[in-house]
C-alpha cells in the first residue's frame, strides 16, 4: 500500500452529497475570480461556499443546477464569508473547473458513494 491509498473506512468518512444551487453571485472580495454560492442539501440544510467556476459558468446558469460537494470539512474563512462545503469539479488545463453533477435529478442530500 502506498501513501496515496485510502482504506474503505477512510473513504466512507468523506461526506459527498448532491445539492441544488439556490443562489450565486460574484464574490468581489476575493483575489481570484469566484462566486458566492448557496446550495440546498435537503435534510443537511443550506450551505454557503466560494467556487472558482467563473470561466465556464455565469451566476444565472448555476441557479437550479445540481452539484456534488463535500459537506463535512470544518468551516473555512474565505475573505468575509465562512465556506461550509467544497464543490467538486474537474480542473482543466487552464484551471477552468467543470462541475461534477448527477446525470439525472436526485433528491438533495443524496450521498455519493
PDB file of N, CA and C in Angstrom:
ATOM      1  N   UNK A   1       0.830  -1.181   0.000  1.00  0.00           N
ATOM      2  CA  UNK A   1       0.000   0.000   0.000  1.00  0.00           C
ATOM      3  C   UNK A   1       0.882   1.256   0.000  1.00  0.00           C
ATOM      4  N   UNK A   2       0.654   2.184  -0.927  1.00  0.00           N
ATOM      5  CA  UNK A   2       1.438   3.423  -0.918  1.00  0.00           C
ATOM      6  C   UNK A   2       0.706   4.499  -0.107  1.00  0.00           C
ATOM      7  N   UNK A   3       1.324   5.640   0.052  1.00  0.00           N
ATOM      8  CA  UNK A   3       0.761   6.708   0.880  1.00  0.00           C
ATOM      9  C   UNK A   3      -0.525   7.300   0.321  1.00  0.00           C
ATOM     10  N   UNK A   4      -0.794   7.102  -0.963  1.00  0.00           N
ATOM     11  CA  UNK A   4      -1.993   7.663  -1.579  1.00  0.00           C
ATOM     12  C   UNK A   4      -3.189   6.721  -1.517  1.00  0.00           C
ATOM     13  N   UNK A   5      -3.023   5.530  -0.973  1.00  0.00           N
ATOM     14  CA  UNK A   5      -4.094   4.552  -0.930  1.00  0.00           C
ATOM     15  C   UNK A   5      -4.986   4.793   0.281  1.00  0.00           C
ATOM     16  N   UNK A   6      -6.288   4.870   0.043  1.00  0.00           N
ATOM     17  CA  UNK A   6      -7.264   5.029   1.116  1.00  0.00           C
ATOM     18  C   UNK A   6      -7.829   3.678   1.514  1.00  0.00           C
ATOM     19  N   UNK A   7      -8.198   3.565   2.763  1.00  0.00           N
ATOM     20  CA  UNK A   7      -8.979   2.399   3.166  1.00  0.00           C
ATOM     21  C   UNK A   7     -10.447   2.713   2.881  1.00  0.00           C
ATOM     22  N   UNK A   8     -11.275   1.685   2.854  1.00  0.00           N
ATOM     23  CA  UNK A   8     -12.706   1.887   2.644  1.00  0.00           C
ATOM     24  C   UNK A   8     -13.282   2.765   3.756  1.00  0.00           C
ATOM     25  N   UNK A   9     -12.863   2.533   5.000  1.00  0.00           N
ATOM     26  CA  UNK A   9     -13.340   3.342   6.128  1.00  0.00           C
ATOM     27  C   UNK A   9     -12.978   4.814   5.958  1.00  0.00           C
ATOM     28  N   UNK A  10     -11.766   5.082   5.477  1.00  0.00           N
ATOM     29  CA  UNK A  10     -11.368   6.480   5.247  1.00  0.00           C
ATOM     30  C   UNK A  10     -12.258   7.121   4.187  1.00  0.00           C
ATOM     31  N   UNK A  11     -12.514   6.417   3.095  1.00  0.00           N
ATOM     32  CA  UNK A  11     -13.381   6.941   2.040  1.00  0.00           C
ATOM     33  C   UNK A  11     -14.784   7.217   2.575  1.00  0.00           C
ATOM     34  N   UNK A  12     -15.294   6.332   3.409  1.00  0.00           N
ATOM     35  CA  UNK A  12     -16.653   6.482   3.931  1.00  0.00           C
ATOM     36  C   UNK A  12     -16.782   7.675   4.880  1.00  0.00           C
ATOM     37  N   UNK A  13     -15.672   8.202   5.367  1.00  0.00           N
ATOM     38  CA  UNK A  13     -15.716   9.393   6.213  1.00  0.00           C
ATOM     39  C   UNK A  13     -15.952  10.666   5.402  1.00  0.00           C
ATOM     40  N   UNK A  14     -15.708  10.605   4.092  1.00  0.00           N
ATOM     41  CA  UNK A  14     -15.914  11.778   3.241  1.00  0.00           C
ATOM     42  C   UNK A  14     -17.396  11.842   2.877  1.00  0.00           C
ATOM     43  N   UNK A  15     -18.055  12.903   3.351  1.00  0.00           N
ATOM     44  CA  UNK A  15     -19.492  13.094   3.086  1.00  0.00           C
ATOM     45  C   UNK A  15     -19.671  13.882   1.795  1.00  0.00           C
ATOM     46  N   UNK A  16     -19.762  13.177   0.662  1.00  0.00           N
ATOM     47  CA  UNK A  16     -20.061  13.821  -0.616  1.00  0.00           C
ATOM     48  C   UNK A  16     -21.564  13.710  -0.838  1.00  0.00           C
ATOM     49  N   UNK A  17     -22.193  14.846  -1.028  1.00  0.00           N
ATOM     50  CA  UNK A  17     -23.648  14.897  -1.180  1.00  0.00           C
ATOM     51  C   UNK A  17     -24.023  15.745  -2.389  1.00  0.00           C
ATOM     52  N   UNK A  18     -25.213  15.475  -2.933  1.00  0.00           N
ATOM     53  CA  UNK A  18     -25.765  16.262  -4.037  1.00  0.00           C
ATOM     54  C   UNK A  18     -26.627  17.367  -3.446  1.00  0.00           C
ATOM     55  N   UNK A  19     -26.474  18.557  -4.003  1.00  0.00           N
ATOM     56  CA  UNK A  19     -27.314  19.685  -3.601  1.00  0.00           C
ATOM     57  C   UNK A  19     -27.664  20.524  -4.810  1.00  0.00           C
ATOM     58  N   UNK A  20     -28.651  21.398  -4.639  1.00  0.00           N
ATOM     59  CA  UNK A  20     -29.102  22.287  -5.714  1.00  0.00           C
ATOM     60  C   UNK A  20     -28.709  23.718  -5.382  1.00  0.00           C
ATOM     61  N   UNK A  21     -28.076  24.380  -6.343  1.00  0.00           N
ATOM     62  CA  UNK A  21     -27.681  25.775  -6.160  1.00  0.00           C
ATOM     63  C   UNK A  21     -28.940  26.640  -6.101  1.00  0.00           C
ATOM     64  N   UNK A  22     -29.084  27.407  -5.007  1.00  0.00           N
ATOM     65  CA  UNK A  22     -30.250  28.285  -4.855  1.00  0.00           C
ATOM     66  C   UNK A  22     -29.896  29.753  -5.063  1.00  0.00           C
ATOM     67  N   UNK A  23     -28.608  30.102  -4.895  1.00  0.00           N
ATOM     68  CA  UNK A  23     -28.178  31.468  -5.207  1.00  0.00           C
ATOM     69  C   UNK A  23     -26.709  31.464  -5.584  1.00  0.00           C
ATOM     70  N   UNK A  24     -26.349  32.403  -6.437  1.00  0.00           N
ATOM     71  CA  UNK A  24     -24.961  32.558  -6.877  1.00  0.00           C
ATOM     72  C   UNK A  24     -24.750  34.017  -7.251  1.00  0.00           C
ATOM     73  N   UNK A  25     -23.631  34.584  -6.772  1.00  0.00           N
ATOM     74  CA  UNK A  25     -23.317  35.970  -7.090  1.00  0.00           C
ATOM     75  C   UNK A  25     -21.806  36.136  -7.136  1.00  0.00           C
ATOM     76  N   UNK A  26     -21.360  37.191  -7.791  1.00  0.00           N
ATOM     77  CA  UNK A  26     -19.926  37.466  -7.876  1.00  0.00           C
ATOM     78  C   UNK A  26     -19.389  37.732  -6.476  1.00  0.00           C
ATOM     79  N   UNK A  27     -18.254  37.121  -6.150  1.00  0.00           N
ATOM     80  CA  UNK A  27     -17.595  37.280  -4.849  1.00  0.00           C
ATOM     81  C   UNK A  27     -16.490  38.316  -5.053  1.00  0.00           C
ATOM     82  N   UNK A  28     -16.846  39.591  -4.895  1.00  0.00           N
ATOM     83  CA  UNK A  28     -15.937  40.694  -5.218  1.00  0.00           C
ATOM     84  C   UNK A  28     -14.751  40.798  -4.264  1.00  0.00           C
ATOM     85  N   UNK A  29     -14.885  40.263  -3.035  1.00  0.00           N
ATOM     86  CA  UNK A  29     -13.857  40.459  -2.009  1.00  0.00           C
ATOM     87  C   UNK A  29     -12.661  39.509  -2.111  1.00  0.00           C
ATOM     88  N   UNK A  30     -12.667  38.570  -3.039  1.00  0.00           N
ATOM     89  CA  UNK A  30     -11.570  37.593  -3.139  1.00  0.00           C
ATOM     90  C   UNK A  30     -10.583  37.979  -4.241  1.00  0.00           C
ATOM     91  N   UNK A  31      -9.345  37.461  -4.111  1.00  0.00           N
ATOM     92  CA  UNK A  31      -8.284  37.756  -5.085  1.00  0.00           C
ATOM     93  C   UNK A  31      -8.556  37.123  -6.445  1.00  0.00           C
ATOM     94  N   UNK A  32      -8.896  35.832  -6.442  1.00  0.00           N
ATOM     95  CA  UNK A  32      -9.151  35.123  -7.698  1.00  0.00           C
ATOM     96  C   UNK A  32     -10.645  35.150  -7.999  1.00  0.00           C
ATOM     97  N   UNK A  33     -11.013  35.281  -9.280  1.00  0.00           N
ATOM     98  CA  UNK A  33     -12.430  35.336  -9.636  1.00  0.00           C
ATOM     99  C   UNK A  33     -13.202  34.127  -9.077  1.00  0.00           C
ATOM    100  N   UNK A  34     -14.301  34.407  -8.400  1.00  0.00           N
ATOM    101  CA  UNK A  34     -15.100  33.345  -7.776  1.00  0.00           C
ATOM    102  C   UNK A  34     -16.529  33.836  -7.577  1.00  0.00           C
ATOM    103  N   UNK A  35     -17.392  32.878  -7.263  1.00  0.00           N
ATOM    104  CA  UNK A  35     -18.775  33.189  -6.906  1.00  0.00           C
ATOM    105  C   UNK A  35     -19.029  32.780  -5.465  1.00  0.00           C
ATOM    106  N   UNK A  36     -19.932  33.512  -4.797  1.00  0.00           N
ATOM    107  CA  UNK A  36     -20.515  33.081  -3.525  1.00  0.00           C
ATOM    108  C   UNK A  36     -21.736  32.271  -3.915  1.00  0.00           C
ATOM    109  N   UNK A  37     -21.813  31.059  -3.416  1.00  0.00           N
ATOM    110  CA  UNK A  37     -22.901  30.158  -3.811  1.00  0.00           C
ATOM    111  C   UNK A  37     -23.565  29.597  -2.568  1.00  0.00           C
ATOM    112  N   UNK A  38     -24.899  29.509  -2.597  1.00  0.00           N
ATOM    113  CA  UNK A  38     -25.652  28.832  -1.547  1.00  0.00           C
ATOM    114  C   UNK A  38     -26.293  27.600  -2.169  1.00  0.00           C
ATOM    115  N   UNK A  39     -26.107  26.451  -1.482  1.00  0.00           N
ATOM    116  CA  UNK A  39     -26.574  25.163  -2.007  1.00  0.00           C
ATOM    117  C   UNK A  39     -27.524  24.529  -1.006  1.00  0.00           C
ATOM    118  N   UNK A  40     -28.639  23.988  -1.497  1.00  0.00           N
ATOM    119  CA  UNK A  40     -29.628  23.286  -0.674  1.00  0.00           C
ATOM    120  C   UNK A  40     -29.312  21.795  -0.681  1.00  0.00           C
ATOM    121  N   UNK A  41     -28.921  21.277   0.504  1.00  0.00           N
ATOM    122  CA  UNK A  41     -28.623  19.857   0.649  1.00  0.00           C
ATOM    123  C   UNK A  41     -29.752  19.110   1.362  1.00  0.00           C
ATOM    124  N   UNK A  42     -30.991  19.573   1.200  1.00  0.00           N
ATOM    125  CA  UNK A  42     -32.137  18.876   1.795  1.00  0.00           C
ATOM    126  C   UNK A  42     -32.023  18.830   3.303  1.00  0.00           C
ATOM    127  N   UNK A  43     -32.067  17.617   3.879  1.00  0.00           N
ATOM    128  CA  UNK A  43     -32.038  17.456   5.337  1.00  0.00           C
ATOM    129  C   UNK A  43     -30.739  17.969   5.964  1.00  0.00           C
ATOM    130  N   UNK A  44     -29.700  18.202   5.151  1.00  0.00           N
ATOM    131  CA  UNK A  44     -28.425  18.717   5.656  1.00  0.00           C
ATOM    132  C   UNK A  44     -28.360  20.243   5.595  1.00  0.00           C
ATOM    133  N   UNK A  45     -29.432  20.863   5.130  1.00  0.00           N
ATOM    134  CA  UNK A  45     -29.571  22.315   5.172  1.00  0.00           C
ATOM    135  C   UNK A  45     -28.921  23.061   4.023  1.00  0.00           C
ATOM    136  N   UNK A  46     -29.018  24.387   4.140  1.00  0.00           N
ATOM    137  CA  UNK A  46     -28.396  25.286   3.173  1.00  0.00           C
ATOM    138  C   UNK A  46     -26.955  25.511   3.594  1.00  0.00           C
ATOM    139  N   UNK A  47     -26.028  25.464   2.640  1.00  0.00           N
ATOM    140  CA  UNK A  47     -24.616  25.681   2.927  1.00  0.00           C
ATOM    141  C   UNK A  47     -24.061  26.687   1.928  1.00  0.00           C
ATOM    142  N   UNK A  48     -23.188  27.564   2.444  1.00  0.00           N
ATOM    143  CA  UNK A  48     -22.535  28.560   1.599  1.00  0.00           C
ATOM    144  C   UNK A  48     -21.138  28.079   1.224  1.00  0.00           C
ATOM    145  N   UNK A  49     -20.691  28.510   0.058  1.00  0.00           N
ATOM    146  CA  UNK A  49     -19.336  28.200  -0.379  1.00  0.00           C
ATOM    147  C   UNK A  49     -18.864  29.264  -1.353  1.00  0.00           C
ATOM    148  N   UNK A  50     -17.578  29.245  -1.607  1.00  0.00           N
ATOM    149  CA  UNK A  50     -16.976  30.064  -2.651  1.00  0.00           C
ATOM    150  C   UNK A  50     -16.446  29.093  -3.696  1.00  0.00           C
ATOM    151  N   UNK A  51     -16.701  29.375  -4.952  1.00  0.00           N
ATOM    152  CA  UNK A  51     -16.246  28.468  -6.007  1.00  0.00           C
ATOM    153  C   UNK A  51     -15.639  29.265  -7.157  1.00  0.00           C
ATOM    154  N   UNK A  52     -14.449  28.850  -7.580  1.00  0.00           N
ATOM    155  CA  UNK A  52     -13.768  29.482  -8.702  1.00  0.00           C
ATOM    156  C   UNK A  52     -14.197  28.808  -9.997  1.00  0.00           C
ATOM    157  N   UNK A  53     -15.443  29.049 -10.366  1.00  0.00           N
ATOM    158  CA  UNK A  53     -16.025  28.429 -11.564  1.00  0.00           C
ATOM    159  C   UNK A  53     -16.458  29.482 -12.589  1.00  0.00           C
ATOM    160  N   UNK A  54     -15.838  30.663 -12.506  1.00  0.00           N
ATOM    161  CA  UNK A  54     -16.261  31.785 -13.346  1.00  0.00           C
ATOM    162  C   UNK A  54     -15.899  31.617 -14.817  1.00  0.00           C
ATOM    163  N   UNK A  55     -14.920  30.751 -15.123  1.00  0.00           N
ATOM    164  CA  UNK A  55     -14.503  30.585 -16.526  1.00  0.00           C
ATOM    165  C   UNK A  55     -15.590  29.930 -17.375  1.00  0.00           C
ATOM    166  N   UNK A  56     -16.353  29.014 -16.771  1.00  0.00           N
ATOM    167  CA  UNK A  56     -17.324  28.244 -17.561  1.00  0.00           C
ATOM    168  C   UNK A  56     -18.785  28.505 -17.220  1.00  0.00           C
ATOM    169  N   UNK A  57     -19.059  29.221 -16.115  1.00  0.00           N
ATOM    170  CA  UNK A  57     -20.439  29.403 -15.666  1.00  0.00           C
ATOM    171  C   UNK A  57     -20.703  30.854 -15.291  1.00  0.00           C
ATOM    172  N   UNK A  58     -21.932  31.301 -15.565  1.00  0.00           N
ATOM    173  CA  UNK A  58     -22.399  32.590 -15.045  1.00  0.00           C
ATOM    174  C   UNK A  58     -23.212  32.297 -13.789  1.00  0.00           C
ATOM    175  N   UNK A  59     -23.398  33.279 -12.903  1.00  0.00           N
ATOM    176  CA  UNK A  59     -24.237  33.036 -11.720  1.00  0.00           C
ATOM    177  C   UNK A  59     -25.637  32.535 -12.101  1.00  0.00           C
ATOM    178  N   UNK A  60     -26.206  33.095 -13.162  1.00  0.00           N
ATOM    179  CA  UNK A  60     -27.557  32.707 -13.594  1.00  0.00           C
ATOM    180  C   UNK A  60     -27.613  31.245 -14.030  1.00  0.00           C
ATOM    181  N   UNK A  61     -26.561  30.762 -14.685  1.00  0.00           N
ATOM    182  CA  UNK A  61     -26.512  29.357 -15.134  1.00  0.00           C
ATOM    183  C   UNK A  61     -26.437  28.391 -13.961  1.00  0.00           C
ATOM    184  N   UNK A  62     -25.826  28.832 -12.857  1.00  0.00           N
ATOM    185  CA  UNK A  62     -25.639  27.949 -11.713  1.00  0.00           C
ATOM    186  C   UNK A  62     -26.926  27.707 -10.937  1.00  0.00           C
ATOM    187  N   UNK A  63     -27.805  28.701 -10.891  1.00  0.00           N
ATOM    188  CA  UNK A  63     -29.028  28.585 -10.095  1.00  0.00           C
ATOM    189  C   UNK A  63     -29.903  27.463 -10.649  1.00  0.00           C
ATOM    190  N   UNK A  64     -30.275  26.538  -9.766  1.00  0.00           N
ATOM    191  CA  UNK A  64     -31.086  25.384 -10.151  1.00  0.00           C
ATOM    192  C   UNK A  64     -30.273  24.165 -10.552  1.00  0.00           C
ATOM    193  N   UNK A  65     -28.947  24.326 -10.716  1.00  0.00           N
ATOM    194  CA  UNK A  65     -28.080  23.224 -11.117  1.00  0.00           C
ATOM    195  C   UNK A  65     -27.763  22.353  -9.903  1.00  0.00           C
ATOM    196  N   UNK A  66     -27.817  21.035 -10.080  1.00  0.00           N
ATOM    197  CA  UNK A  66     -27.393  20.131  -9.014  1.00  0.00           C
ATOM    198  C   UNK A  66     -25.887  19.928  -9.114  1.00  0.00           C
ATOM    199  N   UNK A  67     -25.224  19.945  -7.955  1.00  0.00           N
ATOM    200  CA  UNK A  67     -23.776  19.803  -7.889  1.00  0.00           C
ATOM    201  C   UNK A  67     -23.424  18.782  -6.811  1.00  0.00           C
ATOM    202  N   UNK A  68     -22.175  18.333  -6.818  1.00  0.00           N
ATOM    203  CA  UNK A  68     -21.659  17.418  -5.797  1.00  0.00           C
ATOM    204  C   UNK A  68     -20.674  18.204  -4.936  1.00  0.00           C
ATOM    205  N   UNK A  69     -20.791  18.047  -3.617  1.00  0.00           N
ATOM    206  CA  UNK A  69     -19.893  18.762  -2.706  1.00  0.00           C
ATOM    207  C   UNK A  69     -19.566  17.894  -1.502  1.00  0.00           C
ATOM    208  N   UNK A  70     -18.404  18.170  -0.902  1.00  0.00           N
ATOM    209  CA  UNK A  70     -18.033  17.564   0.374  1.00  0.00           C
ATOM    210  C   UNK A  70     -18.604  18.478   1.453  1.00  0.00           C
ATOM    211  N   UNK A  71     -19.419  17.899   2.362  1.00  0.00           N
ATOM    212  CA  UNK A  71     -20.085  18.741   3.356  1.00  0.00           C
ATOM    213  C   UNK A  71     -19.548  18.565   4.771  1.00  0.00           C
ATOM    214  N   UNK A  72     -18.514  17.741   4.969  1.00  0.00           N
ATOM    215  CA  UNK A  72     -18.041  17.540   6.345  1.00  0.00           C
ATOM    216  C   UNK A  72     -16.621  18.039   6.602  1.00  0.00           C
ATOM    217  N   UNK A  73     -16.172  19.008   5.803  1.00  0.00           N
ATOM    218  CA  UNK A  73     -14.961  19.737   6.165  1.00  0.00           C
ATOM    219  C   UNK A  73     -15.345  20.760   7.227  1.00  0.00           C
ATOM    220  N   UNK A  74     -14.404  21.172   8.089  1.00  0.00           N
ATOM    221  CA  UNK A  74     -14.727  22.255   9.018  1.00  0.00           C
ATOM    222  C   UNK A  74     -14.941  23.552   8.227  1.00  0.00           C
ATOM    223  N   UNK A  75     -15.785  24.464   8.718  1.00  0.00           N
ATOM    224  CA  UNK A  75     -15.971  25.750   8.027  1.00  0.00           C
ATOM    225  C   UNK A  75     -14.628  26.450   7.835  1.00  0.00           C
ATOM    226  N   UNK A  76     -14.488  27.145   6.703  1.00  0.00           N
ATOM    227  CA  UNK A  76     -13.233  27.824   6.376  1.00  0.00           C
ATOM    228  C   UNK A  76     -13.519  29.275   6.012  1.00  0.00           C
ATOM    229  N   UNK A  77     -12.775  30.186   6.621  1.00  0.00           N
ATOM    230  CA  UNK A  77     -12.932  31.612   6.316  1.00  0.00           C
ATOM    231  C   UNK A  77     -12.337  31.910   4.947  1.00  0.00           C
ATOM    232  N   UNK A  78     -13.155  32.469   4.061  1.00  0.00           N
ATOM    233  CA  UNK A  78     -12.690  32.918   2.749  1.00  0.00           C
ATOM    234  C   UNK A  78     -13.138  34.365   2.617  1.00  0.00           C
ATOM    235  N   UNK A  79     -12.168  35.271   2.668  1.00  0.00           N
ATOM    236  CA  UNK A  79     -12.457  36.716   2.697  1.00  0.00           C
ATOM    237  C   UNK A  79     -13.448  36.976   3.834  1.00  0.00           C
ATOM    238  N   UNK A  80     -14.625  37.525   3.514  1.00  0.00           N
ATOM    239  CA  UNK A  80     -15.594  37.882   4.563  1.00  0.00           C
ATOM    240  C   UNK A  80     -16.724  36.854   4.702  1.00  0.00           C
ATOM    241  N   UNK A  81     -16.497  35.623   4.270  1.00  0.00           N
ATOM    242  CA  UNK A  81     -17.531  34.588   4.300  1.00  0.00           C
ATOM    243  C   UNK A  81     -16.967  33.301   4.884  1.00  0.00           C
ATOM    244  N   UNK A  82     -17.805  32.538   5.600  1.00  0.00           N
ATOM    245  CA  UNK A  82     -17.419  31.204   6.055  1.00  0.00           C
ATOM    246  C   UNK A  82     -17.910  30.189   5.030  1.00  0.00           C
ATOM    247  N   UNK A  83     -16.974  29.463   4.412  1.00  0.00           N
ATOM    248  CA  UNK A  83     -17.325  28.409   3.470  1.00  0.00           C
ATOM    249  C   UNK A  83     -17.693  27.162   4.260  1.00  0.00           C
ATOM    250  N   UNK A  84     -18.835  26.550   3.917  1.00  0.00           N
ATOM    251  CA  UNK A  84     -19.374  25.418   4.671  1.00  0.00           C
ATOM    252  C   UNK A  84     -19.378  24.110   3.890  1.00  0.00           C
ATOM    253  N   UNK A  85     -18.848  24.124   2.669  1.00  0.00           N
ATOM    254  CA  UNK A  85     -18.749  22.907   1.870  1.00  0.00           C
ATOM    255  C   UNK A  85     -17.760  23.155   0.743  1.00  0.00           C
ATOM    256  N   UNK A  86     -17.350  22.081   0.070  1.00  0.00           N
ATOM    257  CA  UNK A  86     -16.421  22.177  -1.057  1.00  0.00           C
ATOM    258  C   UNK A  86     -17.078  21.565  -2.280  1.00  0.00           C
ATOM    259  N   UNK A  87     -17.401  22.416  -3.261  1.00  0.00           N
ATOM    260  CA  UNK A  87     -17.995  21.949  -4.509  1.00  0.00           C
ATOM    261  C   UNK A  87     -16.907  21.252  -5.317  1.00  0.00           C
ATOM    262  N   UNK A  88     -17.252  20.101  -5.918  1.00  0.00           N
ATOM    263  CA  UNK A  88     -16.276  19.301  -6.657  1.00  0.00           C
ATOM    264  C   UNK A  88     -16.402  19.524  -8.163  1.00  0.00           C
ATOM    265  N   UNK A  89     -15.248  19.506  -8.827  1.00  0.00           N
ATOM    266  CA  UNK A  89     -15.236  19.655 -10.266  1.00  0.00           C
ATOM    267  C   UNK A  89     -13.932  19.161 -10.850  1.00  0.00           C
ATOM    268  N   UNK A  90     -13.958  18.951 -12.144  1.00  0.00           N
ATOM    269  CA  UNK A  90     -12.744  18.596 -12.863  1.00  0.00           C
ATOM    270  C   UNK A  90     -11.983  19.855 -13.216  1.00  0.00           C
ATOM    271  N   UNK A  91     -10.665  19.842 -13.002  1.00  0.00           N
ATOM    272  CA  UNK A  91      -9.841  21.026 -13.255  1.00  0.00           C
ATOM    273  C   UNK A  91      -9.117  20.841 -14.572  1.00  0.00           C
ATOM    274  N   UNK A  92      -9.408  21.733 -15.515  1.00  0.00           N
ATOM    275  CA  UNK A  92      -8.839  21.640 -16.860  1.00  0.00           C
ATOM    276  C   UNK A  92      -7.445  22.216 -16.959  1.00  0.00           C
ATOM    277  N   UNK A  93      -6.880  22.145 -18.164  1.00  0.00           N
ATOM    278  CA  UNK A  93      -5.509  22.598 -18.425  1.00  0.00           C
ATOM    279  C   UNK A  93      -5.282  24.056 -18.055  1.00  0.00           C
ATOM    280  N   UNK A  94      -6.312  24.895 -18.232  1.00  0.00           N
ATOM    281  CA  UNK A  94      -6.199  26.323 -17.925  1.00  0.00           C
ATOM    282  C   UNK A  94      -6.829  26.663 -16.588  1.00  0.00           C
ATOM    283  N   UNK A  95      -6.956  25.666 -15.715  1.00  0.00           N
ATOM    284  CA  UNK A  95      -7.516  25.800 -14.372  1.00  0.00           C
ATOM    285  C   UNK A  95      -9.021  26.099 -14.370  1.00  0.00           C
ATOM    286  N   UNK A  96      -9.685  25.920 -15.533  1.00  0.00           N
ATOM    287  CA  UNK A  96     -11.132  26.073 -15.566  1.00  0.00           C
ATOM    288  C   UNK A  96     -11.756  24.845 -14.898  1.00  0.00           C
ATOM    289  N   UNK A  97     -12.845  25.066 -14.172  1.00  0.00           N
ATOM    290  CA  UNK A  97     -13.477  23.992 -13.395  1.00  0.00           C
ATOM    291  C   UNK A  97     -14.798  23.598 -14.049  1.00  0.00           C
ATOM    292  N   UNK A  98     -14.938  22.307 -14.338  1.00  0.00           N
ATOM    293  CA  UNK A  98     -16.199  21.738 -14.819  1.00  0.00           C
ATOM    294  C   UNK A  98     -16.840  21.021 -13.644  1.00  0.00           C
ATOM    295  N   UNK A  99     -18.004  21.486 -13.230  1.00  0.00           N
ATOM    296  CA  UNK A  99     -18.669  20.944 -12.046  1.00  0.00           C
ATOM    297  C   UNK A  99     -19.087  19.488 -12.223  1.00  0.00           C
ATOM    298  N   UNK A 100     -18.950  18.707 -11.143  1.00  0.00           N
ATOM    299  CA  UNK A 100     -19.480  17.344 -11.129  1.00  0.00           C
ATOM    300  C   UNK A 100     -20.971  17.424 -10.852  1.00  0.00           C
ATOM    301  N   UNK A 101     -21.751  16.674 -11.627  1.00  0.00           N
ATOM    302  CA  UNK A 101     -23.204  16.675 -11.488  1.00  0.00           C
ATOM    303  C   UNK A 101     -23.743  15.260 -11.653  1.00  0.00           C
ATOM    304  N   UNK A 102     -24.864  14.956 -10.979  1.00  0.00           N
ATOM    305  CA  UNK A 102     -25.508  13.669 -11.276  1.00  0.00           C
ATOM    306  C   UNK A 102     -26.056  13.705 -12.701  1.00  0.00           C
ATOM    307  N   UNK A 103     -26.127  12.547 -13.345  1.00  0.00           N
ATOM    308  CA  UNK A 103     -26.589  12.525 -14.737  1.00  0.00           C
ATOM    309  C   UNK A 103     -28.102  12.614 -14.867  1.00  0.00           C
ATOM    310  N   UNK A 104     -28.806  12.553 -13.735  1.00  0.00           N
ATOM    311  CA  UNK A 104     -30.258  12.818 -13.727  1.00  0.00           C
ATOM    312  C   UNK A 104     -30.590  13.425 -12.369  1.00  0.00           C
ATOM    313  N   UNK A 105     -31.719  14.135 -12.251  1.00  0.00           N
ATOM    314  CA  UNK A 105     -32.065  14.769 -10.971  1.00  0.00           C
ATOM    315  C   UNK A 105     -32.220  13.736  -9.850  1.00  0.00           C
ATOM    316  N   UNK A 106     -31.672  14.070  -8.679  1.00  0.00           N
ATOM    317  CA  UNK A 106     -31.798  13.232  -7.491  1.00  0.00           C
ATOM    318  C   UNK A 106     -32.214  14.120  -6.324  1.00  0.00           C
ATOM    319  N   UNK A 107     -32.634  13.485  -5.235  1.00  0.00           N
ATOM    320  CA  UNK A 107     -33.038  14.207  -4.034  1.00  0.00           C
ATOM    321  C   UNK A 107     -31.841  14.956  -3.450  1.00  0.00           C
ATOM    322  N   UNK A 108     -32.062  16.220  -3.045  1.00  0.00           N
ATOM    323  CA  UNK A 108     -31.000  16.974  -2.384  1.00  0.00           C
ATOM    324  C   UNK A 108     -30.570  16.232  -1.127  1.00  0.00           C
ATOM    325  N   UNK A 109     -29.258  16.132  -0.932  1.00  0.00           N
ATOM    326  CA  UNK A 109     -28.714  15.399   0.213  1.00  0.00           C
ATOM    327  C   UNK A 109     -28.308  13.981  -0.131  1.00  0.00           C
ATOM    328  N   UNK A 110     -28.600  13.529  -1.354  1.00  0.00           N
ATOM    329  CA  UNK A 110     -28.224  12.173  -1.754  1.00  0.00           C
ATOM    330  C   UNK A 110     -26.720  11.975  -1.586  1.00  0.00           C
ATOM    331  N   UNK A 111     -26.346  10.872  -0.951  1.00  0.00           N
ATOM    332  CA  UNK A 111     -24.925  10.582  -0.709  1.00  0.00           C
ATOM    333  C   UNK A 111     -24.287  10.017  -1.960  1.00  0.00           C
ATOM    334  N   UNK A 112     -23.046  10.441  -2.191  1.00  0.00           N
ATOM    335  CA  UNK A 112     -22.227   9.893  -3.269  1.00  0.00           C
ATOM    336  C   UNK A 112     -21.388   8.771  -2.679  1.00  0.00           C
ATOM    337  N   UNK A 113     -21.346   7.634  -3.344  1.00  0.00           N
ATOM    338  CA  UNK A 113     -20.581   6.512  -2.802  1.00  0.00           C
ATOM    339  C   UNK A 113     -20.038   5.654  -3.905  1.00  0.00           C
TER     340      UNK A 113
END
